[in-house]
Amino acid sequence: MRRLVARNASVNRVLADRVGVAATRAARAVGLLSRTGLEPGEALWIVPSRGVHTWGMRFTIDVLALDEAGTVIDCVSNLRPWRVRLPRRGTAGVLELPAGTLAASHTSLGDQILIELGGREAQ
């Protein structure tokens, strides 16, 4: 089985090389709530999704809201537990990453994020 990789094509950096997908209602409802953290290189791609909350979470995350083309239309660094990031118009999916990933990768609004399967684009 090939892994999903999230890559910022605008700055040519891999954001995560172990991307899980929450594509069902049940998986989206649970999200990262059962986790105690994300390791470097891990991420959760929640699709479809327009916004996220961290109610009940035990750790801080970075969040990217992506439109249908994979363009970053909202980004939040260090979203702490018990917070809400309200939906942004045009959001098709949300990528949740370990805290500090956005700063380390220089990811920002307008960047193009590709979710790739074994080197082929999946998004």
PDB file of N, CA and C in Angstrom:
ATOM      1  N   MET A   1       0.842  -1.187   0.000  1.00  0.00           N
ATOM      2  CA  MET A   1       0.000   0.000   0.000  1.00  0.00           C
ATOM      3  C   MET A   1       0.886   1.249   0.000  1.00  0.00           C
ATOM      4  N   ARG A   2       0.596   2.165  -0.875  1.00  0.00           N
ATOM      5  CA  ARG A   2       1.355   3.406  -0.941  1.00  0.00           C
ATOM      6  C   ARG A   2       0.807   4.422   0.047  1.00  0.00           C
ATOM      7  N   ARG A   3       1.713   5.266   0.526  1.00  0.00           N
ATOM      8  CA  ARG A   3       1.328   6.296   1.483  1.00  0.00           C
ATOM      9  C   ARG A   3       0.945   7.578   0.770  1.00  0.00           C
ATOM     10  N   LEU A   4       0.091   8.353   1.436  1.00  0.00           N
ATOM     11  CA  LEU A   4      -0.218   9.694   0.948  1.00  0.00           C
ATOM     12  C   LEU A   4       0.823  10.657   1.491  1.00  0.00           C
ATOM     13  N   VAL A   5       1.188  11.606   0.661  1.00  0.00           N
ATOM     14  CA  VAL A   5       2.174  12.621   1.010  1.00  0.00           C
ATOM     15  C   VAL A   5       1.552  13.978   0.743  1.00  0.00           C
ATOM     16  N   ALA A   6       1.708  14.916   1.688  1.00  0.00           N
ATOM     17  CA  ALA A   6       1.267  16.294   1.494  1.00  0.00           C
ATOM     18  C   ALA A   6       2.512  17.128   1.205  1.00  0.00           C
ATOM     19  N   ARG A   7       2.497  17.790   0.039  1.00  0.00           N
ATOM     20  CA  ARG A   7       3.662  18.562  -0.384  1.00  0.00           C
ATOM     21  C   ARG A   7       3.239  19.974  -0.740  1.00  0.00           C
ATOM     22  N   ASN A   8       3.993  20.937  -0.257  1.00  0.00           N
ATOM     23  CA  ASN A   8       3.774  22.327  -0.627  1.00  0.00           C
ATOM     24  C   ASN A   8       4.558  22.557  -1.914  1.00  0.00           C
ATOM     25  N   ALA A   9       3.849  22.586  -3.044  1.00  0.00           N
ATOM     26  CA  ALA A   9       4.492  22.747  -4.348  1.00  0.00           C
ATOM     27  C   ALA A   9       5.060  24.145  -4.524  1.00  0.00           C
ATOM     28  N   SER A  10       4.523  25.122  -3.798  1.00  0.00           N
ATOM     29  CA  SER A  10       4.985  26.501  -3.938  1.00  0.00           C
ATOM     30  C   SER A  10       6.397  26.701  -3.404  1.00  0.00           C
ATOM     31  N   VAL A  11       6.747  25.971  -2.365  1.00  0.00           N
ATOM     32  CA  VAL A  11       8.094  26.091  -1.783  1.00  0.00           C
ATOM     33  C   VAL A  11       8.868  24.770  -1.890  1.00  0.00           C
ATOM     34  N   ASN A  12       8.274  23.783  -2.563  1.00  0.00           N
ATOM     35  CA  ASN A  12       8.874  22.474  -2.796  1.00  0.00           C
ATOM     36  C   ASN A  12       9.349  21.816  -1.494  1.00  0.00           C
ATOM     37  N   ARG A  13       8.405  21.695  -0.547  1.00  0.00           N
ATOM     38  CA  ARG A  13       8.699  21.044   0.731  1.00  0.00           C
ATOM     39  C   ARG A  13       7.612  20.036   1.066  1.00  0.00           C
ATOM     40  N   VAL A  14       8.014  18.899   1.594  1.00  0.00           N
ATOM     41  CA  VAL A  14       7.061  17.904   2.069  1.00  0.00           C
ATOM     42  C   VAL A  14       6.591  18.343   3.452  1.00  0.00           C
ATOM     43  N   LEU A  15       5.271  18.457   3.621  1.00  0.00           N
ATOM     44  CA  LEU A  15       4.689  18.801   4.916  1.00  0.00           C
ATOM     45  C   LEU A  15       4.494  17.560   5.765  1.00  0.00           C
ATOM     46  N   ALA A  16       4.100  16.469   5.124  1.00  0.00           N
ATOM     47  CA  ALA A  16       3.865  15.207   5.834  1.00  0.00           C
ATOM     48  C   ALA A  16       3.995  14.059   4.838  1.00  0.00           C
ATOM     49  N   ASP A  17       4.623  12.986   5.279  1.00  0.00           N
ATOM     50  CA  ASP A  17       4.751  11.814   4.406  1.00  0.00           C
ATOM     51  C   ASP A  17       3.927  10.628   4.905  1.00  0.00           C
ATOM     52  N   ARG A  18       3.120  10.869   5.939  1.00  0.00           N
ATOM     53  CA  ARG A  18       2.201   9.853   6.461  1.00  0.00           C
ATOM     54  C   ARG A  18       0.860  10.541   6.723  1.00  0.00           C
ATOM     55  N   VAL A  19       0.091  10.703   5.665  1.00  0.00           N
ATOM     56  CA  VAL A  19      -1.171  11.443   5.744  1.00  0.00           C
ATOM     57  C   VAL A  19      -2.332  10.462   5.841  1.00  0.00           C
ATOM     58  N   GLY A  20      -3.061  10.542   6.940  1.00  0.00           N
ATOM     59  CA  GLY A  20      -4.289   9.774   7.090  1.00  0.00           C
ATOM     60  C   GLY A  20      -5.438  10.573   6.488  1.00  0.00           C
ATOM     61  N   VAL A  21      -6.505   9.881   6.128  1.00  0.00           N
ATOM     62  CA  VAL A  21      -7.656  10.538   5.519  1.00  0.00           C
ATOM     63  C   VAL A  21      -8.898  10.266   6.352  1.00  0.00           C
ATOM     64  N   ALA A  22      -9.617  11.334   6.682  1.00  0.00           N
ATOM     65  CA  ALA A  22     -10.912  11.216   7.353  1.00  0.00           C
ATOM     66  C   ALA A  22     -11.960  11.651   6.340  1.00  0.00           C
ATOM     67  N   ALA A  23     -12.545  10.688   5.651  1.00  0.00           N
ATOM     68  CA  ALA A  23     -13.472  10.999   4.574  1.00  0.00           C
ATOM     69  C   ALA A  23     -14.901  10.561   4.862  1.00  0.00           C
ATOM     70  N   THR A  24     -15.117   9.822   5.938  1.00  0.00           N
ATOM     71  CA  THR A  24     -16.471   9.411   6.299  1.00  0.00           C
ATOM     72  C   THR A  24     -16.963  10.288   7.445  1.00  0.00           C
ATOM     73  N   ARG A  25     -18.249  10.318   7.637  1.00  0.00           N
ATOM     74  CA  ARG A  25     -18.811  11.118   8.736  1.00  0.00           C
ATOM     75  C   ARG A  25     -18.228  10.689  10.079  1.00  0.00           C
ATOM     76  N   ALA A  26     -18.119   9.391  10.298  1.00  0.00           N
ATOM     77  CA  ALA A  26     -17.579   8.882  11.564  1.00  0.00           C
ATOM     78  C   ALA A  26     -16.112   9.268  11.735  1.00  0.00           C
ATOM     79  N   ALA A  27     -15.323   9.095  10.694  1.00  0.00           N
ATOM     80  CA  ALA A  27     -13.901   9.433  10.775  1.00  0.00           C
ATOM     81  C   ALA A  27     -13.696  10.931  10.986  1.00  0.00           C
ATOM     82  N   ARG A  28     -14.509  11.750  10.335  1.00  0.00           N
ATOM     83  CA  ARG A  28     -14.412  13.207  10.519  1.00  0.00           C
ATOM     84  C   ARG A  28     -14.812  13.601  11.935  1.00  0.00           C
ATOM     85  N   ALA A  29     -15.799  12.917  12.512  1.00  0.00           N
ATOM     86  CA  ALA A  29     -16.252  13.240  13.872  1.00  0.00           C
ATOM     87  C   ALA A  29     -15.168  12.934  14.901  1.00  0.00           C
ATOM     88  N   VAL A  30     -14.438  11.856  14.709  1.00  0.00           N
ATOM     89  CA  VAL A  30     -13.387  11.472  15.641  1.00  0.00           C
ATOM     90  C   VAL A  30     -12.117  12.272  15.372  1.00  0.00           C
ATOM     91  N   GLY A  31     -11.750  12.425  14.113  1.00  0.00           N
ATOM     92  CA  GLY A  31     -10.554  13.189  13.756  1.00  0.00           C
ATOM     93  C   GLY A  31      -9.351  12.756  14.564  1.00  0.00           C
ATOM     94  N   LEU A  32      -8.741  13.705  15.268  1.00  0.00           N
ATOM     95  CA  LEU A  32      -7.562  13.420  16.085  1.00  0.00           C
ATOM     96  C   LEU A  32      -7.886  13.272  17.565  1.00  0.00           C
ATOM     97  N   LEU A  33      -9.172  13.204  17.914  1.00  0.00           N
ATOM     98  CA  LEU A  33      -9.561  13.158  19.320  1.00  0.00           C
ATOM     99  C   LEU A  33      -9.009  11.949  20.065  1.00  0.00           C
ATOM    100  N   SER A  34      -8.798  10.855  19.375  1.00  0.00           N
ATOM    101  CA  SER A  34      -8.297   9.651  20.038  1.00  0.00           C
ATOM    102  C   SER A  34      -6.774   9.640  20.160  1.00  0.00           C
ATOM    103  N   ARG A  35      -6.134  10.635  19.596  1.00  0.00           N
ATOM    104  CA  ARG A  35      -4.670  10.684  19.580  1.00  0.00           C
ATOM    105  C   ARG A  35      -4.118  11.518  20.738  1.00  0.00           C
ATOM    106  N   THR A  36      -2.880  11.239  21.121  1.00  0.00           N
ATOM    107  CA  THR A  36      -2.210  12.048  22.135  1.00  0.00           C
ATOM    108  C   THR A  36      -1.223  13.021  21.502  1.00  0.00           C
ATOM    109  N   GLY A  37      -1.095  12.958  20.186  1.00  0.00           N
ATOM    110  CA  GLY A  37      -0.212  13.878  19.477  1.00  0.00           C
ATOM    111  C   GLY A  37      -0.012  13.436  18.048  1.00  0.00           C
ATOM    112  N   LEU A  38       0.651  14.275  17.281  1.00  0.00           N
ATOM    113  CA  LEU A  38       1.070  13.951  15.919  1.00  0.00           C
ATOM    114  C   LEU A  38       2.591  13.989  15.887  1.00  0.00           C
ATOM    115  N   GLU A  39       3.180  12.964  15.333  1.00  0.00           N
ATOM    116  CA  GLU A  39       4.629  12.927  15.166  1.00  0.00           C
ATOM    117  C   GLU A  39       5.015  13.746  13.942  1.00  0.00           C
ATOM    118  N   PRO A  40       6.241  14.246  13.889  1.00  0.00           N
ATOM    119  CA  PRO A  40       6.688  14.924  12.665  1.00  0.00           C
ATOM    120  C   PRO A  40       6.481  14.004  11.465  1.00  0.00           C
ATOM    121  N   GLY A  41       5.933  14.555  10.399  1.00  0.00           N
ATOM    122  CA  GLY A  41       5.667  13.767   9.196  1.00  0.00           C
ATOM    123  C   GLY A  41       4.265  13.203   9.129  1.00  0.00           C
ATOM    124  N   GLU A  42       3.506  13.271  10.216  1.00  0.00           N
ATOM    125  CA  GLU A  42       2.127  12.794  10.220  1.00  0.00           C
ATOM    126  C   GLU A  42       1.176  13.957   9.942  1.00  0.00           C
ATOM    127  N   ALA A  43       0.010  13.634   9.419  1.00  0.00           N
ATOM    128  CA  ALA A  43      -1.038  14.632   9.189  1.00  0.00           C
ATOM    129  C   ALA A  43      -2.366  13.910   9.036  1.00  0.00           C
ATOM    130  N   LEU A  44      -3.441  14.678   9.156  1.00  0.00           N
ATOM    131  CA  LEU A  44      -4.780  14.163   8.892  1.00  0.00           C
ATOM    132  C   LEU A  44      -5.442  15.092   7.896  1.00  0.00           C
ATOM    133  N   TRP A  45      -5.889  14.519   6.781  1.00  0.00           N
ATOM    134  CA  TRP A  45      -6.593  15.258   5.740  1.00  0.00           C
ATOM    135  C   TRP A  45      -8.083  14.983   5.942  1.00  0.00           C
ATOM    136  N   ILE A  46      -8.825  16.007   6.312  1.00  0.00           N
ATOM    137  CA  ILE A  46     -10.257  15.882   6.571  1.00  0.00           C
ATOM    138  C   ILE A  46     -10.993  16.441   5.354  1.00  0.00           C
ATOM    139  N   VAL A  47     -11.703  15.544   4.675  1.00  0.00           N
ATOM    140  CA  VAL A  47     -12.347  15.932   3.425  1.00  0.00           C
ATOM    141  C   VAL A  47     -13.674  15.196   3.284  1.00  0.00           C
ATOM    142  N   PRO A  48     -14.775  15.850   2.999  1.00  0.00           N
ATOM    143  CA  PRO A  48     -14.894  17.309   2.950  1.00  0.00           C
ATOM    144  C   PRO A  48     -14.926  17.893   4.355  1.00  0.00           C
ATOM    145  N   SER A  49     -14.468  19.111   4.456  1.00  0.00           N
ATOM    146  CA  SER A  49     -14.503  19.844   5.715  1.00  0.00           C
ATOM    147  C   SER A  49     -14.311  21.314   5.409  1.00  0.00           C
ATOM    148  N   ARG A  50     -14.970  22.167   6.184  1.00  0.00           N
ATOM    149  CA  ARG A  50     -14.820  23.611   5.981  1.00  0.00           C
ATOM    150  C   ARG A  50     -14.140  24.280   7.159  1.00  0.00           C
ATOM    151  N   GLY A  51     -14.250  23.702   8.338  1.00  0.00           N
ATOM    152  CA  GLY A  51     -13.638  24.275   9.536  1.00  0.00           C
ATOM    153  C   GLY A  51     -13.382  23.163  10.528  1.00  0.00           C
ATOM    154  N   VAL A  52     -12.658  23.485  11.574  1.00  0.00           N
ATOM    155  CA  VAL A  52     -12.322  22.468  12.565  1.00  0.00           C
ATOM    156  C   VAL A  52     -12.460  23.034  13.974  1.00  0.00           C
ATOM    157  N   HIS A  53     -12.511  22.114  14.925  1.00  0.00           N
ATOM    158  CA  HIS A  53     -12.453  22.495  16.334  1.00  0.00           C
ATOM    159  C   HIS A  53     -11.455  21.569  17.014  1.00  0.00           C
ATOM    160  N   THR A  54     -10.970  22.009  18.148  1.00  0.00           N
ATOM    161  CA  THR A  54     -10.042  21.180  18.922  1.00  0.00           C
ATOM    162  C   THR A  54     -10.617  20.870  20.300  1.00  0.00           C
ATOM    163  N   TRP A  55     -11.943  20.897  20.412  1.00  0.00           N
ATOM    164  CA  TRP A  55     -12.591  20.534  21.670  1.00  0.00           C
ATOM    165  C   TRP A  55     -12.234  19.092  22.004  1.00  0.00           C
ATOM    166  N   GLY A  56     -11.744  18.874  23.201  1.00  0.00           N
ATOM    167  CA  GLY A  56     -11.402  17.526  23.642  1.00  0.00           C
ATOM    168  C   GLY A  56     -10.027  17.054  23.222  1.00  0.00           C
ATOM    169  N   MET A  57      -9.339  17.817  22.388  1.00  0.00           N
ATOM    170  CA  MET A  57      -7.995  17.407  21.984  1.00  0.00           C
ATOM    171  C   MET A  57      -7.008  17.679  23.106  1.00  0.00           C
ATOM    172  N   ARG A  58      -5.906  16.962  23.070  1.00  0.00           N
ATOM    173  CA  ARG A  58      -4.905  17.066  24.127  1.00  0.00           C
ATOM    174  C   ARG A  58      -3.599  17.695  23.656  1.00  0.00           C
ATOM    175  N   PHE A  59      -3.602  18.245  22.449  1.00  0.00           N
ATOM    176  CA  PHE A  59      -2.358  18.808  21.907  1.00  0.00           C
ATOM    177  C   PHE A  59      -2.674  19.895  20.889  1.00  0.00           C
ATOM    178  N   THR A  60      -1.667  20.696  20.599  1.00  0.00           N
ATOM    179  CA  THR A  60      -1.753  21.817  19.679  1.00  0.00           C
ATOM    180  C   THR A  60      -1.430  21.339  18.259  1.00  0.00           C
ATOM    181  N   ILE A  61      -2.105  21.922  17.257  1.00  0.00           N
ATOM    182  CA  ILE A  61      -1.881  21.539  15.867  1.00  0.00           C
ATOM    183  C   ILE A  61      -1.767  22.780  14.978  1.00  0.00           C
ATOM    184  N   ASP A  62      -1.232  22.590  13.790  1.00  0.00           N
ATOM    185  CA  ASP A  62      -1.297  23.571  12.715  1.00  0.00           C
ATOM    186  C   ASP A  62      -2.405  23.121  11.769  1.00  0.00           C
ATOM    187  N   VAL A  63      -3.117  24.085  11.171  1.00  0.00           N
ATOM    188  CA  VAL A  63      -4.266  23.774  10.325  1.00  0.00           C
ATOM    189  C   VAL A  63      -4.183  24.536   9.006  1.00  0.00           C
ATOM    190  N   LEU A  64      -4.406  23.826   7.905  1.00  0.00           N
ATOM    191  CA  LEU A  64      -4.519  24.436   6.585  1.00  0.00           C
ATOM    192  C   LEU A  64      -5.899  24.171   6.026  1.00  0.00           C
ATOM    193  N   ALA A  65      -6.582  25.214   5.566  1.00  0.00           N
ATOM    194  CA  ALA A  65      -7.838  25.054   4.832  1.00  0.00           C
ATOM    195  C   ALA A  65      -7.499  25.166   3.351  1.00  0.00           C
ATOM    196  N   LEU A  66      -7.902  24.155   2.583  1.00  0.00           N
ATOM    197  CA  LEU A  66      -7.592  24.095   1.157  1.00  0.00           C
ATOM    198  C   LEU A  66      -8.856  24.187   0.324  1.00  0.00           C
ATOM    199  N   ASP A  67      -8.775  24.888  -0.806  1.00  0.00           N
ATOM    200  CA  ASP A  67      -9.910  24.906  -1.721  1.00  0.00           C
ATOM    201  C   ASP A  67      -9.828  23.668  -2.624  1.00  0.00           C
ATOM    202  N   GLU A  68     -10.737  23.561  -3.572  1.00  0.00           N
ATOM    203  CA  GLU A  68     -10.786  22.379  -4.458  1.00  0.00           C
ATOM    204  C   GLU A  68      -9.487  22.166  -5.229  1.00  0.00           C
ATOM    205  N   ALA A  69      -8.764  23.250  -5.523  1.00  0.00           N
ATOM    206  CA  ALA A  69      -7.513  23.154  -6.283  1.00  0.00           C
ATOM    207  C   ALA A  69      -6.306  22.902  -5.392  1.00  0.00           C
ATOM    208  N   GLY A  70      -6.511  22.871  -4.069  1.00  0.00           N
ATOM    209  CA  GLY A  70      -5.405  22.656  -3.153  1.00  0.00           C
ATOM    210  C   GLY A  70      -4.685  23.928  -2.741  1.00  0.00           C
ATOM    211  N   THR A  71      -5.285  25.067  -3.030  1.00  0.00           N
ATOM    212  CA  THR A  71      -4.698  26.347  -2.642  1.00  0.00           C
ATOM    213  C   THR A  71      -5.027  26.640  -1.186  1.00  0.00           C
ATOM    214  N   VAL A  72      -4.040  27.091  -0.422  1.00  0.00           N
ATOM    215  CA  VAL A  72      -4.241  27.435   0.982  1.00  0.00           C
ATOM    216  C   VAL A  72      -5.059  28.727   1.049  1.00  0.00           C
ATOM    217  N   ILE A  73      -6.265  28.627   1.625  1.00  0.00           N
ATOM    218  CA  ILE A  73      -7.111  29.817   1.769  1.00  0.00           C
ATOM    219  C   ILE A  73      -7.239  30.248   3.227  1.00  0.00           C
ATOM    220  N   ASP A  74      -6.710  29.436   4.140  1.00  0.00           N
ATOM    221  CA  ASP A  74      -6.653  29.812   5.543  1.00  0.00           C
ATOM    222  C   ASP A  74      -5.579  28.944   6.192  1.00  0.00           C
ATOM    223  N   CYS A  75      -4.808  29.542   7.086  1.00  0.00           N
ATOM    224  CA  CYS A  75      -3.816  28.755   7.815  1.00  0.00           C
ATOM    225  C   CYS A  75      -3.731  29.269   9.238  1.00  0.00           C
ATOM    226  N   VAL A  76      -3.600  28.331  10.154  1.00  0.00           N
ATOM    227  CA  VAL A  76      -3.519  28.648  11.574  1.00  0.00           C
ATOM    228  C   VAL A  76      -2.354  27.875  12.167  1.00  0.00           C
ATOM    229  N   SER A  77      -1.426  28.596  12.763  1.00  0.00           N
ATOM    230  CA  SER A  77      -0.318  27.965  13.465  1.00  0.00           C
ATOM    231  C   SER A  77      -0.673  27.826  14.937  1.00  0.00           C
ATOM    232  N   ASN A  78      -0.326  26.702  15.508  1.00  0.00           N
ATOM    233  CA  ASN A  78      -0.461  26.473  16.946  1.00  0.00           C
ATOM    234  C   ASN A  78      -1.883  26.668  17.472  1.00  0.00           C
ATOM    235  N   LEU A  79      -2.838  25.994  16.837  1.00  0.00           N
ATOM    236  CA  LEU A  79      -4.222  26.014  17.319  1.00  0.00           C
ATOM    237  C   LEU A  79      -4.289  25.115  18.549  1.00  0.00           C
ATOM    238  N   ARG A  80      -4.507  25.725  19.697  1.00  0.00           N
ATOM    239  CA  ARG A  80      -4.503  25.005  20.972  1.00  0.00           C
ATOM    240  C   ARG A  80      -5.811  24.244  21.187  1.00  0.00           C
ATOM    241  N   PRO A  81      -5.800  23.289  22.111  1.00  0.00           N
ATOM    242  CA  PRO A  81      -7.029  22.563  22.459  1.00  0.00           C
ATOM    243  C   PRO A  81      -8.130  23.519  22.910  1.00  0.00           C
ATOM    244  N   TRP A  82      -9.354  23.093  22.685  1.00  0.00           N
ATOM    245  CA  TRP A  82     -10.569  23.806  23.078  1.00  0.00           C
ATOM    246  C   TRP A  82     -10.777  25.105  22.290  1.00  0.00           C
ATOM    247  N   ARG A  83     -10.354  25.093  21.027  1.00  0.00           N
ATOM    248  CA  ARG A  83     -10.541  26.254  20.156  1.00  0.00           C
ATOM    249  C   ARG A  83     -11.378  25.854  18.944  1.00  0.00           C
ATOM    250  N   VAL A  84     -11.867  26.860  18.225  1.00  0.00           N
ATOM    251  CA  VAL A  84     -12.637  26.640  16.992  1.00  0.00           C
ATOM    252  C   VAL A  84     -12.026  27.497  15.899  1.00  0.00           C
ATOM    253  N   ARG A  85     -11.925  26.931  14.715  1.00  0.00           N
ATOM    254  CA  ARG A  85     -11.567  27.719  13.534  1.00  0.00           C
ATOM    255  C   ARG A  85     -12.788  27.665  12.639  1.00  0.00           C
ATOM    256  N   LEU A  86     -13.467  28.795  12.548  1.00  0.00           N
ATOM    257  CA  LEU A  86     -14.715  28.849  11.795  1.00  0.00           C
ATOM    258  C   LEU A  86     -14.473  28.594  10.314  1.00  0.00           C
ATOM    259  N   PRO A  87     -15.489  28.084   9.638  1.00  0.00           N
ATOM    260  CA  PRO A  87     -15.351  27.786   8.207  1.00  0.00           C
ATOM    261  C   PRO A  87     -14.981  29.021   7.388  1.00  0.00           C
ATOM    262  N   ARG A  88     -14.185  28.804   6.365  1.00  0.00           N
ATOM    263  CA  ARG A  88     -13.819  29.840   5.413  1.00  0.00           C
ATOM    264  C   ARG A  88     -14.497  29.520   4.088  1.00  0.00           C
ATOM    265  N   ARG A  89     -15.055  30.528   3.465  1.00  0.00           N
ATOM    266  CA  ARG A  89     -15.728  30.337   2.175  1.00  0.00           C
ATOM    267  C   ARG A  89     -14.768  29.692   1.174  1.00  0.00           C
ATOM    268  N   GLY A  90     -15.241  28.663   0.509  1.00  0.00           N
ATOM    269  CA  GLY A  90     -14.447  27.990  -0.514  1.00  0.00           C
ATOM    270  C   GLY A  90     -13.614  26.827  -0.021  1.00  0.00           C
ATOM    271  N   THR A  91     -13.624  26.562   1.287  1.00  0.00           N
ATOM    272  CA  THR A  91     -12.830  25.449   1.817  1.00  0.00           C
ATOM    273  C   THR A  91     -13.447  24.117   1.400  1.00  0.00           C
ATOM    274  N   ALA A  92     -12.610  23.246   0.860  1.00  0.00           N
ATOM    275  CA  ALA A  92     -13.051  21.909   0.469  1.00  0.00           C
ATOM    276  C   ALA A  92     -12.539  20.848   1.440  1.00  0.00           C
ATOM    277  N   GLY A  93     -11.390  21.094   2.034  1.00  0.00           N
ATOM    278  CA  GLY A  93     -10.798  20.140   2.961  1.00  0.00           C
ATOM    279  C   GLY A  93      -9.820  20.838   3.880  1.00  0.00           C
ATOM    280  N   VAL A  94      -9.511  20.165   4.976  1.00  0.00           N
ATOM    281  CA  VAL A  94      -8.615  20.725   5.986  1.00  0.00           C
ATOM    282  C   VAL A  94      -7.497  19.722   6.244  1.00  0.00           C
ATOM    283  N   LEU A  95      -6.281  20.240   6.307  1.00  0.00           N
ATOM    284  CA  LEU A  95      -5.122  19.408   6.621  1.00  0.00           C
ATOM    285  C   LEU A  95      -4.623  19.797   8.006  1.00  0.00           C
ATOM    286  N   GLU A  96      -4.623  18.817   8.923  1.00  0.00           N
ATOM    287  CA  GLU A  96      -4.149  19.035  10.287  1.00  0.00           C
ATOM    288  C   GLU A  96      -2.744  18.455  10.407  1.00  0.00           C
ATOM    289  N   LEU A  97      -1.832  19.261  10.946  1.00  0.00           N
ATOM    290  CA  LEU A  97      -0.417  18.927  10.994  1.00  0.00           C
ATOM    291  C   LEU A  97       0.139  19.148  12.398  1.00  0.00           C
ATOM    292  N   PRO A  98       1.298  18.569  12.705  1.00  0.00           N
ATOM    293  CA  PRO A  98       1.916  18.849  14.004  1.00  0.00           C
ATOM    294  C   PRO A  98       2.211  20.345  14.153  1.00  0.00           C
ATOM    295  N   ALA A  99       2.067  20.850  15.352  1.00  0.00           N
ATOM    296  CA  ALA A  99       2.374  22.256  15.614  1.00  0.00           C
ATOM    297  C   ALA A  99       3.810  22.550  15.190  1.00  0.00           C
ATOM    298  N   GLY A 100       3.998  23.674  14.530  1.00  0.00           N
ATOM    299  CA  GLY A 100       5.313  24.094  14.073  1.00  0.00           C
ATOM    300  C   GLY A 100       5.613  23.747  12.634  1.00  0.00           C
ATOM    301  N   THR A 101       4.777  22.912  12.019  1.00  0.00           N
ATOM    302  CA  THR A 101       5.019  22.494  10.636  1.00  0.00           C
ATOM    303  C   THR A 101       4.938  23.670   9.665  1.00  0.00           C
ATOM    304  N   LEU A 102       3.949  24.537   9.851  1.00  0.00           N
ATOM    305  CA  LEU A 102       3.782  25.658   8.911  1.00  0.00           C
ATOM    306  C   LEU A 102       4.983  26.594   8.952  1.00  0.00           C
ATOM    307  N   ALA A 103       5.449  26.920  10.132  1.00  0.00           N
ATOM    308  CA  ALA A 103       6.607  27.810  10.251  1.00  0.00           C
ATOM    309  C   ALA A 103       7.859  27.152   9.672  1.00  0.00           C
ATOM    310  N   ALA A 104       8.074  25.897   9.986  1.00  0.00           N
ATOM    311  CA  ALA A 104       9.274  25.193   9.517  1.00  0.00           C
ATOM    312  C   ALA A 104       9.300  25.040   8.003  1.00  0.00           C
ATOM    313  N   SER A 105       8.126  24.924   7.388  1.00  0.00           N
ATOM    314  CA  SER A 105       8.054  24.712   5.933  1.00  0.00           C
ATOM    315  C   SER A 105       7.812  26.000   5.159  1.00  0.00           C
ATOM    316  N   HIS A 106       7.634  27.106   5.869  1.00  0.00           N
ATOM    317  CA  HIS A 106       7.350  28.409   5.236  1.00  0.00           C
ATOM    318  C   HIS A 106       6.069  28.371   4.414  1.00  0.00           C
ATOM    319  N   THR A 107       5.077  27.633   4.911  1.00  0.00           N
ATOM    320  CA  THR A 107       3.786  27.527   4.234  1.00  0.00           C
ATOM    321  C   THR A 107       2.917  28.713   4.625  1.00  0.00           C
ATOM    322  N   SER A 108       2.240  29.306   3.616  1.00  0.00           N
ATOM    323  CA  SER A 108       1.409  30.476   3.882  1.00  0.00           C
ATOM    324  C   SER A 108       0.229  30.538   2.920  1.00  0.00           C
ATOM    325  N   LEU A 109      -0.616  31.538   3.125  1.00  0.00           N
ATOM    326  CA  LEU A 109      -1.782  31.736   2.264  1.00  0.00           C
ATOM    327  C   LEU A 109      -1.363  31.786   0.804  1.00  0.00           C
ATOM    328  N   GLY A 110      -2.175  31.144  -0.046  1.00  0.00           N
ATOM    329  CA  GLY A 110      -1.923  31.151  -1.482  1.00  0.00           C
ATOM    330  C   GLY A 110      -1.020  30.038  -1.964  1.00  0.00           C
ATOM    331  N   ASP A 111      -0.342  29.349  -1.069  1.00  0.00           N
ATOM    332  CA  ASP A 111       0.519  28.243  -1.482  1.00  0.00           C
ATOM    333  C   ASP A 111      -0.323  27.106  -2.053  1.00  0.00           C
ATOM    334  N   GLN A 112       0.281  26.315  -2.906  1.00  0.00           N
ATOM    335  CA  GLN A 112      -0.371  25.174  -3.542  1.00  0.00           C
ATOM    336  C   GLN A 112       0.062  23.897  -2.832  1.00  0.00           C
ATOM    337  N   ILE A 113      -0.911  23.183  -2.238  1.00  0.00           N
ATOM    338  CA  ILE A 113      -0.631  21.940  -1.524  1.00  0.00           C
ATOM    339  C   ILE A 113      -1.127  20.772  -2.369  1.00  0.00           C
ATOM    340  N   LEU A 114      -0.256  19.817  -2.588  1.00  0.00           N
ATOM    341  CA  LEU A 114      -0.606  18.614  -3.333  1.00  0.00           C
ATOM    342  C   LEU A 114      -0.649  17.438  -2.370  1.00  0.00           C
ATOM    343  N   ILE A 115      -1.717  16.673  -2.453  1.00  0.00           N
ATOM    344  CA  ILE A 115      -1.812  15.411  -1.719  1.00  0.00           C
ATOM    345  C   ILE A 115      -1.517  14.343  -2.750  1.00  0.00           C
ATOM    346  N   GLU A 116      -0.397  13.671  -2.582  1.00  0.00           N
ATOM    347  CA  GLU A 116       0.096  12.760  -3.606  1.00  0.00           C
ATOM    348  C   GLU A 116       0.077  11.318  -3.125  1.00  0.00           C
ATOM    349  N   LEU A 117      -0.168  10.431  -4.044  1.00  0.00           N
ATOM    350  CA  LEU A 117      -0.157   8.986  -3.791  1.00  0.00           C
ATOM    351  C   LEU A 117       1.013   8.404  -4.550  1.00  0.00           C
ATOM    352  N   GLY A 118       2.030   8.015  -3.840  1.00  0.00           N
ATOM    353  CA  GLY A 118       3.180   7.397  -4.489  1.00  0.00           C
ATOM    354  C   GLY A 118       3.762   8.230  -5.613  1.00  0.00           C
ATOM    355  N   GLY A 119       3.788   9.542  -5.434  1.00  0.00           N
ATOM    356  CA  GLY A 119       4.351  10.411  -6.460  1.00  0.00           C
ATOM    357  C   GLY A 119       3.334  10.905  -7.467  1.00  0.00           C
ATOM    358  N   ARG A 120       2.128  10.356  -7.429  1.00  0.00           N
ATOM    359  CA  ARG A 120       1.066  10.841  -8.322  1.00  0.00           C
ATOM    360  C   ARG A 120       0.118  11.679  -7.531  1.00  0.00           C
ATOM    361  N   GLU A 121      -0.408  12.713  -8.148  1.00  0.00           N
ATOM    362  CA  GLU A 121      -1.313  13.619  -7.459  1.00  0.00           C
ATOM    363  C   GLU A 121      -2.639  12.934  -7.170  1.00  0.00           C
ATOM    364  N   ALA A 122      -3.126  13.075  -5.907  1.00  0.00           N
ATOM    365  CA  ALA A 122      -4.395  12.489  -5.503  1.00  0.00           C
ATOM    366  C   ALA A 122      -5.461  13.561  -5.320  1.00  0.00           C
ATOM    367  N   GLN A 123      -5.043  14.809  -5.244  1.00  0.00           N
ATOM    368  CA  GLN A 123      -6.020  15.896  -5.045  1.00  0.00           C
ATOM    369  C   GLN A 123      -6.215  16.633  -6.336  1.00  0.00           C
TER     370      GLN A 123
END
